[in-house]
Amino acid sequence: MALIDLMGRRWVLRILWELRGNSLTFRALQEACGGISPSILNTRLADLRNAALIDTTDEGYQLTDLGRELGSKFADLTQWSEKWAKTLK
């Protein structure tokens, strides 16, 4: 339930999505998320750091091994959702 609660918080999935490919600085991450306020971004980054899904480096924020593993689980969900969407047309 803790993971579902975390994933349900506004902007969390978008932040994880934007970090999927490489590290981003705070400003670059804020720009990539388009429209997120600095205070909300700070809060969400703290939430994700506390959950051990992201970490900070000299290059900015990046996914941890657990964060990358979670991302691979979302890839399966993406495939399923595409199949599901076709049934709704």
PDB file of N, CA and C in Angstrom:
ATOM      1  N   MET A   1       0.812  -1.191   0.000  1.00  0.00           N
ATOM      2  CA  MET A   1       0.000   0.000   0.000  1.00  0.00           C
ATOM      3  C   MET A   1       0.862   1.264   0.000  1.00  0.00           C
ATOM      4  N   ALA A   2       2.027   1.184   0.625  1.00  0.00           N
ATOM      5  CA  ALA A   2       2.898   2.363   0.673  1.00  0.00           C
ATOM      6  C   ALA A   2       3.344   2.768  -0.730  1.00  0.00           C
ATOM      7  N   LEU A   3       3.648   1.790  -1.579  1.00  0.00           N
ATOM      8  CA  LEU A   3       4.057   2.098  -2.949  1.00  0.00           C
ATOM      9  C   LEU A   3       2.905   2.714  -3.734  1.00  0.00           C
ATOM     10  N   ILE A   4       1.715   2.179  -3.581  1.00  0.00           N
ATOM     11  CA  ILE A   4       0.560   2.733  -4.282  1.00  0.00           C
ATOM     12  C   ILE A   4       0.303   4.162  -3.825  1.00  0.00           C
ATOM     13  N   ASP A   5       0.436   4.416  -2.541  1.00  0.00           N
ATOM     14  CA  ASP A   5       0.271   5.774  -2.021  1.00  0.00           C
ATOM     15  C   ASP A   5       1.306   6.710  -2.642  1.00  0.00           C
ATOM     16  N   LEU A   6       2.550   6.291  -2.666  1.00  0.00           N
ATOM     17  CA  LEU A   6       3.609   7.119  -3.227  1.00  0.00           C
ATOM     18  C   LEU A   6       3.373   7.385  -4.710  1.00  0.00           C
ATOM     19  N   MET A   7       3.057   6.360  -5.475  1.00  0.00           N
ATOM     20  CA  MET A   7       2.842   6.512  -6.912  1.00  0.00           C
ATOM     21  C   MET A   7       1.617   7.368  -7.228  1.00  0.00           C
ATOM     22  N   GLY A   8       0.679   7.430  -6.295  1.00  0.00           N
ATOM     23  CA  GLY A   8      -0.527   8.216  -6.500  1.00  0.00           C
ATOM     24  C   GLY A   8      -0.360   9.700  -6.222  1.00  0.00           C
ATOM     25  N   ARG A   9       0.768  10.080  -5.676  1.00  0.00           N
ATOM     26  CA  ARG A   9       1.000  11.496  -5.398  1.00  0.00           C
ATOM     27  C   ARG A   9       1.288  12.233  -6.704  1.00  0.00           C
ATOM     28  N   ARG A  10       0.700  13.406  -6.812  1.00  0.00           N
ATOM     29  CA  ARG A  10       0.851  14.184  -8.035  1.00  0.00           C
ATOM     30  C   ARG A  10       2.320  14.426  -8.343  1.00  0.00           C
ATOM     31  N   TRP A  11       2.688  14.228  -9.582  1.00  0.00           N
ATOM     32  CA  TRP A  11       4.006  14.462 -10.159  1.00  0.00           C
ATOM     33  C   TRP A  11       5.008  13.332  -9.945  1.00  0.00           C
ATOM     34  N   VAL A  12       4.747  12.381  -9.064  1.00  0.00           N
ATOM     35  CA  VAL A  12       5.729  11.328  -8.786  1.00  0.00           C
ATOM     36  C   VAL A  12       6.025  10.512 -10.042  1.00  0.00           C
ATOM     37  N   LEU A  13       4.994  10.046 -10.718  1.00  0.00           N
ATOM     38  CA  LEU A  13       5.228   9.240 -11.915  1.00  0.00           C
ATOM     39  C   LEU A  13       5.948  10.041 -12.990  1.00  0.00           C
ATOM     40  N   ARG A  14       5.599  11.298 -13.133  1.00  0.00           N
ATOM     41  CA  ARG A  14       6.261  12.141 -14.148  1.00  0.00           C
ATOM     42  C   ARG A  14       7.737  12.310 -13.825  1.00  0.00           C
ATOM     43  N   ILE A  15       8.059  12.524 -12.571  1.00  0.00           N
ATOM     44  CA  ILE A  15       9.467  12.672 -12.174  1.00  0.00           C
ATOM     45  C   ILE A  15      10.237  11.395 -12.476  1.00  0.00           C
ATOM     46  N   LEU A  16       9.675  10.265 -12.108  1.00  0.00           N
ATOM     47  CA  LEU A  16      10.330   8.984 -12.406  1.00  0.00           C
ATOM     48  C   LEU A  16      10.505   8.807 -13.911  1.00  0.00           C
ATOM     49  N   TRP A  17       9.487   9.174 -14.672  1.00  0.00           N
ATOM     50  CA  TRP A  17       9.542   9.063 -16.129  1.00  0.00           C
ATOM     51  C   TRP A  17      10.678   9.918 -16.694  1.00  0.00           C
ATOM     52  N   GLU A  18      10.790  11.129 -16.226  1.00  0.00           N
ATOM     53  CA  GLU A  18      11.811  12.039 -16.747  1.00  0.00           C
ATOM     54  C   GLU A  18      13.223  11.592 -16.372  1.00  0.00           C
ATOM     55  N   LEU A  19      13.360  10.861 -15.281  1.00  0.00           N
ATOM     56  CA  LEU A  19      14.681  10.388 -14.853  1.00  0.00           C
ATOM     57  C   LEU A  19      15.050   9.030 -15.437  1.00  0.00           C
ATOM     58  N   ARG A  20      14.173   8.464 -16.250  1.00  0.00           N
ATOM     59  CA  ARG A  20      14.396   7.110 -16.754  1.00  0.00           C
ATOM     60  C   ARG A  20      15.645   6.986 -17.617  1.00  0.00           C
ATOM     61  N   GLY A  21      16.029   8.056 -18.314  1.00  0.00           N
ATOM     62  CA  GLY A  21      17.143   7.947 -19.243  1.00  0.00           C
ATOM     63  C   GLY A  21      18.473   8.426 -18.714  1.00  0.00           C
ATOM     64  N   ASN A  22      18.447   9.458 -17.881  1.00  0.00           N
ATOM     65  CA  ASN A  22      19.711  10.010 -17.408  1.00  0.00           C
ATOM     66  C   ASN A  22      19.474  10.902 -16.195  1.00  0.00           C
ATOM     67  N   SER A  23      20.565  11.388 -15.658  1.00  0.00           N
ATOM     68  CA  SER A  23      20.498  12.296 -14.513  1.00  0.00           C
ATOM     69  C   SER A  23      20.050  13.675 -14.983  1.00  0.00           C
ATOM     70  N   LEU A  24      19.312  14.366 -14.133  1.00  0.00           N
ATOM     71  CA  LEU A  24      18.885  15.723 -14.426  1.00  0.00           C
ATOM     72  C   LEU A  24      19.102  16.602 -13.202  1.00  0.00           C
ATOM     73  N   THR A  25      19.521  17.824 -13.440  1.00  0.00           N
ATOM     74  CA  THR A  25      19.625  18.791 -12.353  1.00  0.00           C
ATOM     75  C   THR A  25      18.217  19.196 -11.940  1.00  0.00           C
ATOM     76  N   PHE A  26      18.122  19.887 -10.817  1.00  0.00           N
ATOM     77  CA  PHE A  26      16.819  20.342 -10.341  1.00  0.00           C
ATOM     78  C   PHE A  26      16.126  21.181 -11.406  1.00  0.00           C
ATOM     79  N   ARG A  27      16.843  22.146 -11.947  1.00  0.00           N
ATOM     80  CA  ARG A  27      16.253  23.046 -12.945  1.00  0.00           C
ATOM     81  C   ARG A  27      15.843  22.282 -14.207  1.00  0.00           C
ATOM     82  N   ALA A  28      16.691  21.368 -14.665  1.00  0.00           N
ATOM     83  CA  ALA A  28      16.366  20.587 -15.860  1.00  0.00           C
ATOM     84  C   ALA A  28      15.156  19.682 -15.607  1.00  0.00           C
ATOM     85  N   LEU A  29      15.077  19.131 -14.412  1.00  0.00           N
ATOM     86  CA  LEU A  29      13.944  18.287 -14.061  1.00  0.00           C
ATOM     87  C   LEU A  29      12.666  19.104 -13.973  1.00  0.00           C
ATOM     88  N   GLN A  30      12.757  20.283 -13.394  1.00  0.00           N
ATOM     89  CA  GLN A  30      11.594  21.163 -13.307  1.00  0.00           C
ATOM     90  C   GLN A  30      11.116  21.539 -14.704  1.00  0.00           C
ATOM     91  N   GLU A  31      12.034  21.827 -15.590  1.00  0.00           N
ATOM     92  CA  GLU A  31      11.683  22.180 -16.967  1.00  0.00           C
ATOM     93  C   GLU A  31      11.080  20.986 -17.701  1.00  0.00           C
ATOM     94  N   ALA A  32      11.661  19.810 -17.502  1.00  0.00           N
ATOM     95  CA  ALA A  32      11.158  18.605 -18.163  1.00  0.00           C
ATOM     96  C   ALA A  32       9.742  18.268 -17.707  1.00  0.00           C
ATOM     97  N   CYS A  33       9.444  18.554 -16.459  1.00  0.00           N
ATOM     98  CA  CYS A  33       8.114  18.267 -15.918  1.00  0.00           C
ATOM     99  C   CYS A  33       7.099  19.336 -16.306  1.00  0.00           C
ATOM    100  N   GLY A  34       7.554  20.482 -16.766  1.00  0.00           N
ATOM    101  CA  GLY A  34       6.680  21.537 -17.260  1.00  0.00           C
ATOM    102  C   GLY A  34       5.524  21.889 -16.335  1.00  0.00           C
ATOM    103  N   GLY A  35       5.697  22.884 -15.544  1.00  0.00           N
ATOM    104  CA  GLY A  35       4.597  23.360 -14.729  1.00  0.00           C
ATOM    105  C   GLY A  35       4.656  22.987 -13.256  1.00  0.00           C
ATOM    106  N   ILE A  36       5.624  22.208 -12.860  1.00  0.00           N
ATOM    107  CA  ILE A  36       5.718  21.840 -11.445  1.00  0.00           C
ATOM    108  C   ILE A  36       6.392  22.983 -10.682  1.00  0.00           C
ATOM    109  N   SER A  37       5.839  23.322  -9.544  1.00  0.00           N
ATOM    110  CA  SER A  37       6.423  24.396  -8.739  1.00  0.00           C
ATOM    111  C   SER A  37       7.675  23.872  -8.027  1.00  0.00           C
ATOM    112  N   PRO A  38       8.610  24.755  -7.721  1.00  0.00           N
ATOM    113  CA  PRO A  38       9.830  24.325  -7.026  1.00  0.00           C
ATOM    114  C   PRO A  38       9.543  23.667  -5.679  1.00  0.00           C
ATOM    115  N   SER A  39       8.567  24.177  -4.953  1.00  0.00           N
ATOM    116  CA  SER A  39       8.279  23.594  -3.637  1.00  0.00           C
ATOM    117  C   SER A  39       7.709  22.181  -3.762  1.00  0.00           C
ATOM    118  N   ILE A  40       6.844  21.974  -4.720  1.00  0.00           N
ATOM    119  CA  ILE A  40       6.289  20.618  -4.931  1.00  0.00           C
ATOM    120  C   ILE A  40       7.387  19.682  -5.418  1.00  0.00           C
ATOM    121  N   LEU A  41       8.222  20.152  -6.333  1.00  0.00           N
ATOM    122  CA  LEU A  41       9.318  19.308  -6.821  1.00  0.00           C
ATOM    123  C   LEU A  41      10.237  18.921  -5.669  1.00  0.00           C
ATOM    124  N   ASN A  42      10.580  19.866  -4.811  1.00  0.00           N
ATOM    125  CA  ASN A  42      11.416  19.550  -3.640  1.00  0.00           C
ATOM    126  C   ASN A  42      10.761  18.498  -2.762  1.00  0.00           C
ATOM    127  N   THR A  43       9.464  18.641  -2.532  1.00  0.00           N
ATOM    128  CA  THR A  43       8.743  17.678  -1.695  1.00  0.00           C
ATOM    129  C   THR A  43       8.750  16.296  -2.332  1.00  0.00           C
ATOM    130  N   ARG A  44       8.458  16.222  -3.625  1.00  0.00           N
ATOM    131  CA  ARG A  44       8.416  14.926  -4.306  1.00  0.00           C
ATOM    132  C   ARG A  44       9.796  14.283  -4.378  1.00  0.00           C
ATOM    133  N   LEU A  45      10.820  15.092  -4.606  1.00  0.00           N
ATOM    134  CA  LEU A  45      12.176  14.538  -4.618  1.00  0.00           C
ATOM    135  C   LEU A  45      12.537  13.967  -3.250  1.00  0.00           C
ATOM    136  N   ALA A  46      12.143  14.641  -2.201  1.00  0.00           N
ATOM    137  CA  ALA A  46      12.392  14.119  -0.848  1.00  0.00           C
ATOM    138  C   ALA A  46      11.635  12.819  -0.636  1.00  0.00           C
ATOM    139  N   ASP A  47      10.374  12.765  -1.083  1.00  0.00           N
ATOM    140  CA  ASP A  47       9.590  11.530  -0.973  1.00  0.00           C
ATOM    141  C   ASP A  47      10.287  10.380  -1.685  1.00  0.00           C
ATOM    142  N   LEU A  48      10.771  10.646  -2.896  1.00  0.00           N
ATOM    143  CA  LEU A  48      11.406   9.599  -3.699  1.00  0.00           C
ATOM    144  C   LEU A  48      12.767   9.203  -3.149  1.00  0.00           C
ATOM    145  N   ARG A  49      13.499  10.166  -2.579  1.00  0.00           N
ATOM    146  CA  ARG A  49      14.772   9.820  -1.921  1.00  0.00           C
ATOM    147  C   ARG A  49      14.519   8.963  -0.691  1.00  0.00           C
ATOM    148  N   ASN A  50      13.515   9.332   0.109  1.00  0.00           N
ATOM    149  CA  ASN A  50      13.181   8.547   1.304  1.00  0.00           C
ATOM    150  C   ASN A  50      12.738   7.133   0.955  1.00  0.00           C
ATOM    151  N   ALA A  51      12.158   6.973  -0.226  1.00  0.00           N
ATOM    152  CA  ALA A  51      11.720   5.648  -0.685  1.00  0.00           C
ATOM    153  C   ALA A  51      12.836   4.886  -1.393  1.00  0.00           C
ATOM    154  N   ALA A  52      14.024   5.478  -1.458  1.00  0.00           N
ATOM    155  CA  ALA A  52      15.205   4.871  -2.088  1.00  0.00           C
ATOM    156  C   ALA A  52      15.011   4.627  -3.584  1.00  0.00           C
ATOM    157  N   LEU A  53      14.204   5.463  -4.234  1.00  0.00           N
ATOM    158  CA  LEU A  53      13.982   5.320  -5.671  1.00  0.00           C
ATOM    159  C   LEU A  53      14.837   6.273  -6.492  1.00  0.00           C
ATOM    160  N   ILE A  54      15.281   7.364  -5.884  1.00  0.00           N
ATOM    161  CA  ILE A  54      16.207   8.275  -6.556  1.00  0.00           C
ATOM    162  C   ILE A  54      17.333   8.623  -5.599  1.00  0.00           C
ATOM    163  N   ASP A  55      18.396   9.138  -6.188  1.00  0.00           N
ATOM    164  CA  ASP A  55      19.548   9.579  -5.411  1.00  0.00           C
ATOM    165  C   ASP A  55      20.121  10.818  -6.094  1.00  0.00           C
ATOM    166  N   THR A  56      20.967  11.526  -5.403  1.00  0.00           N
ATOM    167  CA  THR A  56      21.625  12.678  -5.998  1.00  0.00           C
ATOM    168  C   THR A  56      23.077  12.338  -6.287  1.00  0.00           C
ATOM    169  N   THR A  57      23.562  12.905  -7.371  1.00  0.00           N
ATOM    170  CA  THR A  57      24.961  12.762  -7.768  1.00  0.00           C
ATOM    171  C   THR A  57      25.481  14.149  -8.118  1.00  0.00           C
ATOM    172  N   ASP A  58      26.716  14.223  -8.534  1.00  0.00           N
ATOM    173  CA  ASP A  58      27.275  15.496  -8.989  1.00  0.00           C
ATOM    174  C   ASP A  58      26.538  16.001 -10.225  1.00  0.00           C
ATOM    175  N   GLU A  59      25.915  15.082 -10.961  1.00  0.00           N
ATOM    176  CA  GLU A  59      25.221  15.438 -12.200  1.00  0.00           C
ATOM    177  C   GLU A  59      23.747  15.766 -11.978  1.00  0.00           C
ATOM    178  N   GLY A  60      23.247  15.563 -10.779  1.00  0.00           N
ATOM    179  CA  GLY A  60      21.843  15.851 -10.478  1.00  0.00           C
ATOM    180  C   GLY A  60      21.147  14.661  -9.845  1.00  0.00           C
ATOM    181  N   TYR A  61      19.891  14.514 -10.178  1.00  0.00           N
ATOM    182  CA  TYR A  61      19.074  13.426  -9.639  1.00  0.00           C
ATOM    183  C   TYR A  61      19.070  12.272 -10.622  1.00  0.00           C
ATOM    184  N   GLN A  62      19.096  11.053 -10.078  1.00  0.00           N
ATOM    185  CA  GLN A  62      19.045   9.872 -10.931  1.00  0.00           C
ATOM    186  C   GLN A  62      18.305   8.756 -10.208  1.00  0.00           C
ATOM    187  N   LEU A  63      17.825   7.811 -10.988  1.00  0.00           N
ATOM    188  CA  LEU A  63      17.168   6.644 -10.407  1.00  0.00           C
ATOM    189  C   LEU A  63      18.196   5.751  -9.730  1.00  0.00           C
ATOM    190  N   THR A  64      17.810   5.157  -8.633  1.00  0.00           N
ATOM    191  CA  THR A  64      18.639   4.133  -7.997  1.00  0.00           C
ATOM    192  C   THR A  64      18.386   2.816  -8.724  1.00  0.00           C
ATOM    193  N   ASP A  65      19.077   1.781  -8.323  1.00  0.00           N
ATOM    194  CA  ASP A  65      18.811   0.458  -8.900  1.00  0.00           C
ATOM    195  C   ASP A  65      17.357   0.069  -8.687  1.00  0.00           C
ATOM    196  N   LEU A  66      16.832   0.346  -7.482  1.00  0.00           N
ATOM    197  CA  LEU A  66      15.417   0.048  -7.214  1.00  0.00           C
ATOM    198  C   LEU A  66      14.495   0.881  -8.101  1.00  0.00           C
ATOM    199  N   GLY A  67      14.852   2.125  -8.319  1.00  0.00           N
ATOM    200  CA  GLY A  67      14.058   2.987  -9.183  1.00  0.00           C
ATOM    201  C   GLY A  67      14.036   2.488 -10.615  1.00  0.00           C
ATOM    202  N   ARG A  68      15.187   2.026 -11.122  1.00  0.00           N
ATOM    203  CA  ARG A  68      15.240   1.468 -12.480  1.00  0.00           C
ATOM    204  C   ARG A  68      14.444   0.170 -12.563  1.00  0.00           C
ATOM    205  N   GLU A  69      14.520  -0.638 -11.524  1.00  0.00           N
ATOM    206  CA  GLU A  69      13.747  -1.882 -11.507  1.00  0.00           C
ATOM    207  C   GLU A  69      12.248  -1.580 -11.524  1.00  0.00           C
ATOM    208  N   LEU A  70      11.836  -0.599 -10.753  1.00  0.00           N
ATOM    209  CA  LEU A  70      10.434  -0.199 -10.757  1.00  0.00           C
ATOM    210  C   LEU A  70      10.026   0.275 -12.145  1.00  0.00           C
ATOM    211  N   GLY A  71      10.890   1.027 -12.798  1.00  0.00           N
ATOM    212  CA  GLY A  71      10.614   1.490 -14.158  1.00  0.00           C
ATOM    213  C   GLY A  71      10.398   0.346 -15.120  1.00  0.00           C
ATOM    214  N   SER A  72      11.161  -0.729 -14.957  1.00  0.00           N
ATOM    215  CA  SER A  72      10.974  -1.886 -15.838  1.00  0.00           C
ATOM    216  C   SER A  72       9.625  -2.552 -15.589  1.00  0.00           C
ATOM    217  N   LYS A  73       9.131  -2.477 -14.381  1.00  0.00           N
ATOM    218  CA  LYS A  73       7.797  -3.013 -14.081  1.00  0.00           C
ATOM    219  C   LYS A  73       6.725  -2.178 -14.771  1.00  0.00           C
ATOM    220  N   PHE A  74       6.945  -0.867 -14.844  1.00  0.00           N
ATOM    221  CA  PHE A  74       6.006   0.002 -15.537  1.00  0.00           C
ATOM    222  C   PHE A  74       5.995  -0.274 -17.037  1.00  0.00           C
ATOM    223  N   ALA A  75       7.114  -0.749 -17.588  1.00  0.00           N
ATOM    224  CA  ALA A  75       7.150  -1.089 -19.010  1.00  0.00           C
ATOM    225  C   ALA A  75       6.130  -2.191 -19.299  1.00  0.00           C
ATOM    226  N   ASP A  76       6.049  -3.172 -18.416  1.00  0.00           N
ATOM    227  CA  ASP A  76       5.048  -4.226 -18.581  1.00  0.00           C
ATOM    228  C   ASP A  76       3.636  -3.657 -18.508  1.00  0.00           C
ATOM    229  N   LEU A  77       3.421  -2.742 -17.599  1.00  0.00           N
ATOM    230  CA  LEU A  77       2.113  -2.108 -17.446  1.00  0.00           C
ATOM    231  C   LEU A  77       1.765  -1.281 -18.682  1.00  0.00           C
ATOM    232  N   THR A  78       2.760  -0.634 -19.265  1.00  0.00           N
ATOM    233  CA  THR A  78       2.534   0.151 -20.481  1.00  0.00           C
ATOM    234  C   THR A  78       2.067  -0.750 -21.617  1.00  0.00           C
ATOM    235  N   GLN A  79       2.727  -1.879 -21.787  1.00  0.00           N
ATOM    236  CA  GLN A  79       2.316  -2.825 -22.831  1.00  0.00           C
ATOM    237  C   GLN A  79       0.891  -3.294 -22.600  1.00  0.00           C
ATOM    238  N   TRP A  80       0.567  -3.630 -21.375  1.00  0.00           N
ATOM    239  CA  TRP A  80      -0.781  -4.083 -21.064  1.00  0.00           C
ATOM    240  C   TRP A  80      -1.796  -2.986 -21.330  1.00  0.00           C
ATOM    241  N   SER A  81      -1.486  -1.746 -20.958  1.00  0.00           N
ATOM    242  CA  SER A  81      -2.442  -0.649 -21.123  1.00  0.00           C
ATOM    243  C   SER A  81      -2.691  -0.350 -22.599  1.00  0.00           C
ATOM    244  N   GLU A  82      -1.682  -0.530 -23.443  1.00  0.00           N
ATOM    245  CA  GLU A  82      -1.875  -0.343 -24.892  1.00  0.00           C
ATOM    246  C   GLU A  82      -2.844  -1.395 -25.422  1.00  0.00           C
ATOM    247  N   LYS A  83      -2.686  -2.618 -24.976  1.00  0.00           N
ATOM    248  CA  LYS A  83      -3.601  -3.693 -25.386  1.00  0.00           C
ATOM    249  C   LYS A  83      -5.025  -3.399 -24.889  1.00  0.00           C
ATOM    250  N   TRP A  84      -5.125  -2.974 -23.660  1.00  0.00           N
ATOM    251  CA  TRP A  84      -6.412  -2.647 -23.070  1.00  0.00           C
ATOM    252  C   TRP A  84      -7.101  -1.511 -23.809  1.00  0.00           C
ATOM    253  N   ALA A  85      -6.312  -0.465 -24.162  1.00  0.00           N
ATOM    254  CA  ALA A  85      -6.870   0.690 -24.865  1.00  0.00           C
ATOM    255  C   ALA A  85      -7.505   0.293 -26.185  1.00  0.00           C
ATOM    256  N   LYS A  86      -6.923  -0.689 -26.866  1.00  0.00           N
ATOM    257  CA  LYS A  86      -7.483  -1.150 -28.141  1.00  0.00           C
ATOM    258  C   LYS A  86      -8.853  -1.785 -27.954  1.00  0.00           C
ATOM    259  N   THR A  87      -9.087  -2.375 -26.806  1.00  0.00           N
ATOM    260  CA  THR A  87     -10.383  -3.014 -26.572  1.00  0.00           C
ATOM    261  C   THR A  87     -11.468  -1.993 -26.275  1.00  0.00           C
ATOM    262  N   LEU A  88     -11.086  -0.769 -25.929  1.00  0.00           N
ATOM    263  CA  LEU A  88     -12.045   0.268 -25.583  1.00  0.00           C
ATOM    264  C   LEU A  88     -12.531   1.065 -26.779  1.00  0.00           C
ATOM    265  N   LYS A  89     -11.901   0.887 -27.914  1.00  0.00           N
ATOM    266  CA  LYS A  89     -12.284   1.665 -29.113  1.00  0.00           C
ATOM    267  C   LYS A  89     -13.527   1.137 -29.763  1.00  0.00           C
TER     268      LYS A  89
END
